[in-house]
Amino acid sequence: MFRKKQTTGINTNIYVIFLCFVAFIFFQTGCQTDSQLAVYVPFNSARTDTIPGILTPSERIEMVRLKGENGRLADSQTQKMLIEHLTKEYVDSPDPVLRQEVVKAMERLNNSDGFALFKYAAMKDENPFVRRAACRAVASIPQNESAAVLRHIIRHDADKDVQLQAIKSLAAFDDQDTITALGELLESRHAALRYQAIQSLKSCTRQNYGDDVRRWKQYLAGQTPNPPEKLTFSQRLGWEEISTFK
């Protein structure tokens, strides 16, 4: 009997507390206008991460892209102003994705005033994706310093993908220093670097010794190597040696 009475007492207390809570809600909402009443309805208002006056990262990226697209045909004064704005955007941004988009946007402007930023981004930016984008942008400005920047990168950058992009970009230059730098890569232990160096050498020298490293070394040493042999499809796949087996 004692345990049953204790349970009944607890239930009564809970019931009284519940009635008091309901009365409090009715008292509060009865004194409010319709707009204030909505505050007491859960999940009634829209939820958003947007803060008035502050752009989201995606909005900032889109604005940068638009500056690059719309500035391509702009006059020199407008492009100069855009380059100043984009440079400030690059310097102030801790976001590597945004910095990469700034480099791409400035490349679309096709204005040599952007070279200073391209050079800095290619050599100093901490993010390899930004440096790769800058290597492409550097090559869009055909001058001796552009080739010098790319040669520095293939010799000193620790990221192989950045080196590969710099090698690809050097295909646009045909000076002797560039040809020498590409020739040094024929000694690389990385097959991808050797292969891309040969592809760029084909463009720089307007010669074609196939993908034969030995012949390219002979050519760079001042010799005249034999033209590459034309292999059959089976020879390329290494099938010729086993074709006699039954």
C-alpha atoms as a PDB file:
ATOM      1  CA  MET A   1       0.000   0.000   0.000  1.00  0.00           C
ATOM      2  CA  PHE A   2       2.801   2.387   0.844  1.00  0.00           C
ATOM      3  CA  ARG A   3       4.530   1.911  -2.584  1.00  0.00           C
ATOM      4  CA  LYS A   4       1.225   2.422  -4.434  1.00  0.00           C
ATOM      5  CA  LYS A   5       0.513   5.690  -2.616  1.00  0.00           C
ATOM      6  CA  GLN A   6       3.998   6.998  -3.439  1.00  0.00           C
ATOM      7  CA  THR A   7       3.451   6.359  -7.173  1.00  0.00           C
ATOM      8  CA  THR A   8       0.083   8.117  -7.105  1.00  0.00           C
ATOM      9  CA  GLY A   9       1.638  11.138  -5.431  1.00  0.00           C
ATOM     10  CA  ILE A  10       4.348  11.398  -8.074  1.00  0.00           C
ATOM     11  CA  ASN A  11       1.819  11.149 -10.907  1.00  0.00           C
ATOM     12  CA  THR A  12      -0.297  13.879  -9.307  1.00  0.00           C
ATOM     13  CA  ASN A  13       2.720  16.203  -9.050  1.00  0.00           C
ATOM     14  CA  ILE A  14       3.620  15.643 -12.701  1.00  0.00           C
ATOM     15  CA  TYR A  15       0.031  16.357 -13.740  1.00  0.00           C
ATOM     16  CA  VAL A  16      -0.020  19.600 -11.768  1.00  0.00           C
ATOM     17  CA  ILE A  17       3.316  20.714 -13.269  1.00  0.00           C
ATOM     18  CA  PHE A  18       2.031  19.954 -16.785  1.00  0.00           C
ATOM     19  CA  LEU A  19      -1.146  22.016 -16.201  1.00  0.00           C
ATOM     20  CA  CYS A  20       0.947  24.921 -14.929  1.00  0.00           C
ATOM     21  CA  PHE A  21       3.160  24.756 -18.021  1.00  0.00           C
ATOM     22  CA  VAL A  22       0.139  24.747 -20.362  1.00  0.00           C
ATOM     23  CA  ALA A  23      -1.361  27.684 -18.492  1.00  0.00           C
ATOM     24  CA  PHE A  24       1.914  29.589 -18.801  1.00  0.00           C
ATOM     25  CA  ILE A  25       2.040  29.033 -22.568  1.00  0.00           C
ATOM     26  CA  PHE A  26      -1.552  30.181 -23.005  1.00  0.00           C
ATOM     27  CA  PHE A  27      -0.858  33.216 -20.880  1.00  0.00           C
ATOM     28  CA  GLN A  28       2.221  34.171 -22.917  1.00  0.00           C
ATOM     29  CA  THR A  29       0.749  33.567 -26.360  1.00  0.00           C
ATOM     30  CA  GLY A  30      -2.548  35.234 -25.488  1.00  0.00           C
ATOM     31  CA  CYS A  31      -0.755  38.577 -25.134  1.00  0.00           C
ATOM     32  CA  GLN A  32       1.207  38.381 -28.390  1.00  0.00           C
ATOM     33  CA  THR A  33       0.495  39.526 -31.919  1.00  0.00           C
ATOM     34  CA  ASP A  34       0.402  37.038 -34.790  1.00  0.00           C
ATOM     35  CA  SER A  35       3.993  37.810 -35.830  1.00  0.00           C
ATOM     36  CA  GLN A  36       5.249  37.287 -32.284  1.00  0.00           C
ATOM     37  CA  LEU A  37       3.256  34.103 -31.867  1.00  0.00           C
ATOM     38  CA  ALA A  38       5.322  32.422 -34.581  1.00  0.00           C
ATOM     39  CA  VAL A  39       8.287  32.429 -32.231  1.00  0.00           C
ATOM     40  CA  TYR A  40       6.658  29.715 -30.150  1.00  0.00           C
ATOM     41  CA  VAL A  41       6.077  27.410 -33.110  1.00  0.00           C
ATOM     42  CA  PRO A  42       9.139  25.153 -33.579  1.00  0.00           C
ATOM     43  CA  PHE A  43      10.734  24.840 -37.070  1.00  0.00           C
ATOM     44  CA  ASN A  44       8.382  27.553 -38.391  1.00  0.00           C
ATOM     45  CA  SER A  45      11.062  29.982 -39.577  1.00  0.00           C
ATOM     46  CA  ALA A  46      13.431  29.304 -42.506  1.00  0.00           C
ATOM     47  CA  ARG A  47      16.968  28.248 -41.660  1.00  0.00           C
ATOM     48  CA  THR A  48      19.934  29.627 -43.662  1.00  0.00           C
ATOM     49  CA  ASP A  49      23.701  30.007 -43.351  1.00  0.00           C
ATOM     50  CA  THR A  50      23.648  33.288 -45.255  1.00  0.00           C
ATOM     51  CA  ILE A  51      24.609  36.378 -43.268  1.00  0.00           C
ATOM     52  CA  PRO A  52      23.460  39.694 -44.736  1.00  0.00           C
ATOM     53  CA  GLY A  53      26.411  41.640 -46.156  1.00  0.00           C
ATOM     54  CA  ILE A  54      28.799  38.663 -46.142  1.00  0.00           C
ATOM     55  CA  LEU A  55      29.400  36.586 -49.285  1.00  0.00           C
ATOM     56  CA  THR A  56      29.621  32.808 -49.051  1.00  0.00           C
ATOM     57  CA  PRO A  57      32.740  31.107 -50.487  1.00  0.00           C
ATOM     58  CA  SER A  58      30.804  29.913 -53.537  1.00  0.00           C
ATOM     59  CA  GLU A  59      29.497  33.446 -54.175  1.00  0.00           C
ATOM     60  CA  ARG A  60      32.998  34.884 -53.975  1.00  0.00           C
ATOM     61  CA  ILE A  61      34.299  32.280 -56.421  1.00  0.00           C
ATOM     62  CA  GLU A  62      31.490  33.058 -58.846  1.00  0.00           C
ATOM     63  CA  MET A  63      32.256  36.784 -58.652  1.00  0.00           C
ATOM     64  CA  VAL A  64      35.930  36.111 -59.395  1.00  0.00           C
ATOM     65  CA  ARG A  65      35.013  33.983 -62.405  1.00  0.00           C
ATOM     66  CA  LEU A  66      32.725  36.696 -63.730  1.00  0.00           C
ATOM     67  CA  LYS A  67      35.510  39.265 -63.455  1.00  0.00           C
ATOM     68  CA  GLY A  68      37.712  37.069 -65.607  1.00  0.00           C
ATOM     69  CA  GLU A  69      35.006  36.395 -68.194  1.00  0.00           C
ATOM     70  CA  ASN A  70      33.715  39.950 -68.439  1.00  0.00           C
ATOM     71  CA  GLY A  71      37.170  41.520 -68.395  1.00  0.00           C
ATOM     72  CA  ARG A  72      38.565  39.719 -71.441  1.00  0.00           C
ATOM     73  CA  LEU A  73      37.252  42.330 -73.870  1.00  0.00           C
ATOM     74  CA  ALA A  74      37.489  45.295 -71.514  1.00  0.00           C
ATOM     75  CA  ASP A  75      39.734  48.285 -72.194  1.00  0.00           C
ATOM     76  CA  SER A  76      43.208  48.467 -70.679  1.00  0.00           C
ATOM     77  CA  GLN A  77      42.158  50.811 -67.852  1.00  0.00           C
ATOM     78  CA  THR A  78      39.335  48.495 -66.777  1.00  0.00           C
ATOM     79  CA  GLN A  79      41.618  45.456 -66.940  1.00  0.00           C
ATOM     80  CA  LYS A  80      44.193  47.238 -64.805  1.00  0.00           C
ATOM     81  CA  MET A  81      41.513  47.914 -62.187  1.00  0.00           C
ATOM     82  CA  LEU A  82      40.346  44.272 -62.328  1.00  0.00           C
ATOM     83  CA  ILE A  83      43.907  43.030 -61.884  1.00  0.00           C
ATOM     84  CA  GLU A  84      44.300  45.211 -58.787  1.00  0.00           C
ATOM     85  CA  HIS A  85      41.043  43.879 -57.325  1.00  0.00           C
ATOM     86  CA  LEU A  86      41.912  40.258 -58.126  1.00  0.00           C
ATOM     87  CA  THR A  87      45.409  40.628 -56.700  1.00  0.00           C
ATOM     88  CA  LYS A  88      43.953  41.927 -53.440  1.00  0.00           C
ATOM     89  CA  GLU A  89      41.488  39.029 -53.446  1.00  0.00           C
ATOM     90  CA  TYR A  90      44.402  36.583 -53.813  1.00  0.00           C
ATOM     91  CA  VAL A  91      46.489  38.189 -51.070  1.00  0.00           C
ATOM     92  CA  ASP A  92      43.618  38.398 -48.577  1.00  0.00           C
ATOM     93  CA  SER A  93      42.215  34.905 -49.123  1.00  0.00           C
ATOM     94  CA  PRO A  94      43.223  31.913 -46.973  1.00  0.00           C
ATOM     95  CA  ASP A  95      41.127  29.681 -49.259  1.00  0.00           C
ATOM     96  CA  PRO A  96      43.285  27.867 -51.873  1.00  0.00           C
ATOM     97  CA  VAL A  97      40.254  27.216 -54.077  1.00  0.00           C
ATOM     98  CA  LEU A  98      39.552  30.927 -54.317  1.00  0.00           C
ATOM     99  CA  ARG A  99      43.243  31.728 -54.962  1.00  0.00           C
ATOM    100  CA  GLN A 100      43.253  29.163 -57.761  1.00  0.00           C
ATOM    101  CA  GLU A 101      40.173  30.788 -59.307  1.00  0.00           C
ATOM    102  CA  VAL A 102      41.828  34.211 -59.054  1.00  0.00           C
ATOM    103  CA  VAL A 103      44.818  32.933 -61.038  1.00  0.00           C
ATOM    104  CA  LYS A 104      42.531  31.433 -63.686  1.00  0.00           C
ATOM    105  CA  ALA A 105      40.490  34.634 -63.921  1.00  0.00           C
ATOM    106  CA  MET A 106      43.597  36.757 -64.403  1.00  0.00           C
ATOM    107  CA  GLU A 107      44.850  34.353 -67.062  1.00  0.00           C
ATOM    108  CA  ARG A 108      41.610  34.964 -69.013  1.00  0.00           C
ATOM    109  CA  LEU A 109      42.349  38.688 -69.025  1.00  0.00           C
ATOM    110  CA  ASN A 110      45.450  37.922 -71.114  1.00  0.00           C
ATOM    111  CA  ASN A 111      47.229  40.946 -69.706  1.00  0.00           C
ATOM    112  CA  SER A 112      50.951  41.005 -68.950  1.00  0.00           C
ATOM    113  CA  ASP A 113      50.280  43.096 -65.825  1.00  0.00           C
ATOM    114  CA  GLY A 114      49.182  39.860 -64.172  1.00  0.00           C
ATOM    115  CA  PHE A 115      52.631  38.290 -64.490  1.00  0.00           C
ATOM    116  CA  ALA A 116      53.797  39.411 -61.041  1.00  0.00           C
ATOM    117  CA  LEU A 117      50.963  37.482 -59.405  1.00  0.00           C
ATOM    118  CA  PHE A 118      51.485  34.450 -61.654  1.00  0.00           C
ATOM    119  CA  LYS A 119      55.162  34.364 -60.750  1.00  0.00           C
ATOM    120  CA  TYR A 120      54.495  34.618 -57.026  1.00  0.00           C
ATOM    121  CA  ALA A 121      51.726  32.014 -57.102  1.00  0.00           C
ATOM    122  CA  ALA A 122      53.802  29.575 -59.158  1.00  0.00           C
ATOM    123  CA  MET A 123      56.862  29.813 -56.934  1.00  0.00           C
ATOM    124  CA  LYS A 124      55.582  30.682 -53.460  1.00  0.00           C
ATOM    125  CA  ASP A 125      51.973  29.539 -52.955  1.00  0.00           C
ATOM    126  CA  GLU A 126      51.747  26.749 -50.378  1.00  0.00           C
ATOM    127  CA  ASN A 127      49.024  24.882 -52.274  1.00  0.00           C
ATOM    128  CA  PRO A 128      50.124  22.682 -55.225  1.00  0.00           C
ATOM    129  CA  PHE A 129      46.834  23.154 -57.095  1.00  0.00           C
ATOM    130  CA  VAL A 130      47.345  26.912 -57.056  1.00  0.00           C
ATOM    131  CA  ARG A 131      50.941  26.495 -58.255  1.00  0.00           C
ATOM    132  CA  ARG A 132      49.789  24.254 -61.113  1.00  0.00           C
ATOM    133  CA  ALA A 133      47.241  26.840 -62.227  1.00  0.00           C
ATOM    134  CA  ALA A 134      49.942  29.513 -62.034  1.00  0.00           C
ATOM    135  CA  CYS A 135      52.288  27.444 -64.219  1.00  0.00           C
ATOM    136  CA  ARG A 136      49.645  27.414 -66.952  1.00  0.00           C
ATOM    137  CA  ALA A 137      49.079  31.143 -66.519  1.00  0.00           C
ATOM    138  CA  VAL A 138      52.802  31.974 -66.673  1.00  0.00           C
ATOM    139  CA  ALA A 139      53.053  30.318 -70.091  1.00  0.00           C
ATOM    140  CA  SER A 140      50.266  32.568 -71.398  1.00  0.00           C
ATOM    141  CA  ILE A 141      52.691  35.504 -71.228  1.00  0.00           C
ATOM    142  CA  PRO A 142      55.431  34.838 -73.835  1.00  0.00           C
ATOM    143  CA  GLN A 143      58.528  36.440 -72.384  1.00  0.00           C
ATOM    144  CA  ASN A 144      61.947  35.262 -71.271  1.00  0.00           C
ATOM    145  CA  GLU A 145      61.149  35.645 -67.586  1.00  0.00           C
ATOM    146  CA  SER A 146      58.161  33.318 -67.978  1.00  0.00           C
ATOM    147  CA  ALA A 147      60.410  30.530 -69.218  1.00  0.00           C
ATOM    148  CA  ALA A 148      62.886  31.251 -66.417  1.00  0.00           C
ATOM    149  CA  VAL A 149      60.151  30.858 -63.797  1.00  0.00           C
ATOM    150  CA  LEU A 150      59.056  27.520 -65.267  1.00  0.00           C
ATOM    151  CA  ARG A 151      62.646  26.256 -65.448  1.00  0.00           C
ATOM    152  CA  HIS A 152      63.064  27.138 -61.770  1.00  0.00           C
ATOM    153  CA  ILE A 153      59.955  25.152 -60.913  1.00  0.00           C
ATOM    154  CA  ILE A 154      60.951  21.963 -62.733  1.00  0.00           C
ATOM    155  CA  ARG A 155      64.266  22.035 -60.898  1.00  0.00           C
ATOM    156  CA  HIS A 156      63.112  22.996 -57.404  1.00  0.00           C
ATOM    157  CA  ASP A 157      59.410  22.278 -56.808  1.00  0.00           C
ATOM    158  CA  ALA A 158      58.906  19.150 -54.689  1.00  0.00           C
ATOM    159  CA  ASP A 159      55.471  18.316 -56.114  1.00  0.00           C
ATOM    160  CA  LYS A 160      55.667  16.090 -59.200  1.00  0.00           C
ATOM    161  CA  ASP A 161      52.301  17.256 -60.566  1.00  0.00           C
ATOM    162  CA  VAL A 162      53.466  20.859 -60.401  1.00  0.00           C
ATOM    163  CA  GLN A 163      56.680  19.876 -62.180  1.00  0.00           C
ATOM    164  CA  LEU A 164      54.679  18.100 -64.877  1.00  0.00           C
ATOM    165  CA  GLN A 165      52.567  21.193 -65.493  1.00  0.00           C
ATOM    166  CA  ALA A 166      55.678  23.365 -65.707  1.00  0.00           C
ATOM    167  CA  ILE A 167      57.203  20.952 -68.227  1.00  0.00           C
ATOM    168  CA  LYS A 168      54.026  21.061 -70.330  1.00  0.00           C
ATOM    169  CA  SER A 169      54.046  24.853 -70.222  1.00  0.00           C
ATOM    170  CA  LEU A 170      57.671  25.010 -71.373  1.00  0.00           C
ATOM    171  CA  ALA A 171      56.542  23.568 -74.706  1.00  0.00           C
ATOM    172  CA  ALA A 172      55.591  27.152 -75.644  1.00  0.00           C
ATOM    173  CA  PHE A 173      59.237  28.311 -75.514  1.00  0.00           C
ATOM    174  CA  ASP A 174      62.121  27.427 -77.824  1.00  0.00           C
ATOM    175  CA  ASP A 175      65.156  29.148 -76.288  1.00  0.00           C
ATOM    176  CA  GLN A 176      68.316  27.150 -75.684  1.00  0.00           C
ATOM    177  CA  ASP A 177      68.099  27.413 -71.885  1.00  0.00           C
ATOM    178  CA  THR A 178      64.670  25.785 -71.973  1.00  0.00           C
ATOM    179  CA  ILE A 179      65.845  22.991 -74.279  1.00  0.00           C
ATOM    180  CA  THR A 180      68.794  22.350 -71.959  1.00  0.00           C
ATOM    181  CA  ALA A 181      66.518  22.235 -68.892  1.00  0.00           C
ATOM    182  CA  LEU A 182      64.198  19.759 -70.598  1.00  0.00           C
ATOM    183  CA  GLY A 183      67.192  17.671 -71.623  1.00  0.00           C
ATOM    184  CA  GLU A 184      68.257  17.390 -67.986  1.00  0.00           C
ATOM    185  CA  LEU A 185      64.945  15.697 -67.236  1.00  0.00           C
ATOM    186  CA  LEU A 186      65.849  12.807 -69.540  1.00  0.00           C
ATOM    187  CA  GLU A 187      68.020  11.626 -66.643  1.00  0.00           C
ATOM    188  CA  SER A 188      65.118  11.705 -64.194  1.00  0.00           C
ATOM    189  CA  ARG A 189      64.205   8.488 -62.419  1.00  0.00           C
ATOM    190  CA  HIS A 190      60.523   9.383 -62.818  1.00  0.00           C
ATOM    191  CA  ALA A 191      59.114   8.009 -66.053  1.00  0.00           C
ATOM    192  CA  ALA A 192      56.301  10.579 -66.201  1.00  0.00           C
ATOM    193  CA  LEU A 193      58.765  13.484 -66.066  1.00  0.00           C
ATOM    194  CA  ARG A 194      60.940  11.916 -68.770  1.00  0.00           C
ATOM    195  CA  TYR A 195      57.937  11.296 -71.006  1.00  0.00           C
ATOM    196  CA  GLN A 196      56.558  14.825 -70.650  1.00  0.00           C
ATOM    197  CA  ALA A 197      60.001  16.327 -71.214  1.00  0.00           C
ATOM    198  CA  ILE A 198      60.202  14.491 -74.542  1.00  0.00           C
ATOM    199  CA  GLN A 199      56.750  15.761 -75.566  1.00  0.00           C
ATOM    200  CA  SER A 200      57.802  19.337 -74.819  1.00  0.00           C
ATOM    201  CA  LEU A 201      61.119  18.855 -76.616  1.00  0.00           C
ATOM    202  CA  LYS A 202      59.183  17.888 -79.745  1.00  0.00           C
ATOM    203  CA  SER A 203      57.480  21.291 -79.649  1.00  0.00           C
ATOM    204  CA  CYS A 204      60.563  23.281 -78.664  1.00  0.00           C
ATOM    205  CA  THR A 205      62.922  21.790 -81.238  1.00  0.00           C
ATOM    206  CA  ARG A 206      60.368  20.918 -83.954  1.00  0.00           C
ATOM    207  CA  GLN A 207      62.078  17.530 -84.138  1.00  0.00           C
ATOM    208  CA  ASN A 208      60.580  14.117 -83.610  1.00  0.00           C
ATOM    209  CA  TYR A 209      62.662  11.218 -82.430  1.00  0.00           C
ATOM    210  CA  GLY A 210      59.693   9.443 -80.968  1.00  0.00           C
ATOM    211  CA  ASP A 211      59.838   8.578 -77.294  1.00  0.00           C
ATOM    212  CA  ASP A 212      63.345   7.152 -77.543  1.00  0.00           C
ATOM    213  CA  VAL A 213      65.382   8.751 -74.746  1.00  0.00           C
ATOM    214  CA  ARG A 214      68.662   7.569 -76.293  1.00  0.00           C
ATOM    215  CA  ARG A 215      68.008   9.343 -79.595  1.00  0.00           C
ATOM    216  CA  TRP A 216      66.983  12.546 -77.848  1.00  0.00           C
ATOM    217  CA  LYS A 217      70.182  12.509 -75.821  1.00  0.00           C
ATOM    218  CA  GLN A 218      72.157  12.109 -79.039  1.00  0.00           C
ATOM    219  CA  TYR A 219      70.329  15.042 -80.614  1.00  0.00           C
ATOM    220  CA  LEU A 220      70.908  17.290 -77.598  1.00  0.00           C
ATOM    221  CA  ALA A 221      74.594  16.343 -77.675  1.00  0.00           C
ATOM    222  CA  GLY A 222      74.838  17.729 -81.217  1.00  0.00           C
ATOM    223  CA  GLN A 223      74.654  14.409 -83.030  1.00  0.00           C
ATOM    224  CA  THR A 224      72.244  13.391 -85.775  1.00  0.00           C
ATOM    225  CA  PRO A 225      70.471  10.265 -84.612  1.00  0.00           C
ATOM    226  CA  ASN A 226      68.639   7.966 -86.948  1.00  0.00           C
ATOM    227  CA  PRO A 227      64.900   8.569 -87.221  1.00  0.00           C
ATOM    228  CA  PRO A 228      62.775   6.396 -84.956  1.00  0.00           C
ATOM    229  CA  GLU A 229      61.804   2.998 -86.258  1.00  0.00           C
ATOM    230  CA  LYS A 230      58.184   2.471 -87.170  1.00  0.00           C
ATOM    231  CA  LEU A 231      57.036  -0.443 -85.079  1.00  0.00           C
ATOM    232  CA  THR A 232      54.118  -2.631 -85.956  1.00  0.00           C
ATOM    233  CA  PHE A 233      51.206  -2.932 -83.561  1.00  0.00           C
ATOM    234  CA  SER A 234      52.349  -6.381 -82.424  1.00  0.00           C
ATOM    235  CA  GLN A 235      55.889  -5.099 -81.838  1.00  0.00           C
ATOM    236  CA  ARG A 236      54.588  -2.277 -79.667  1.00  0.00           C
ATOM    237  CA  LEU A 237      52.692  -4.783 -77.553  1.00  0.00           C
ATOM    238  CA  GLY A 238      55.610  -7.216 -77.469  1.00  0.00           C
ATOM    239  CA  TRP A 239      53.675  -9.960 -79.280  1.00  0.00           C
ATOM    240  CA  GLU A 240      56.148 -10.565 -82.080  1.00  0.00           C
ATOM    241  CA  GLU A 241      58.403 -12.757 -79.966  1.00  0.00           C
ATOM    242  CA  ILE A 242      55.591 -15.139 -79.003  1.00  0.00           C
ATOM    243  CA  SER A 243      53.800 -15.249 -82.360  1.00  0.00           C
ATOM    244  CA  THR A 244      55.753 -18.373 -83.430  1.00  0.00           C
ATOM    245  CA  PHE A 245      54.424 -20.404 -80.533  1.00  0.00           C
ATOM    246  CA  LYS A 246      51.635 -22.804 -81.298  1.00  0.00           C
END
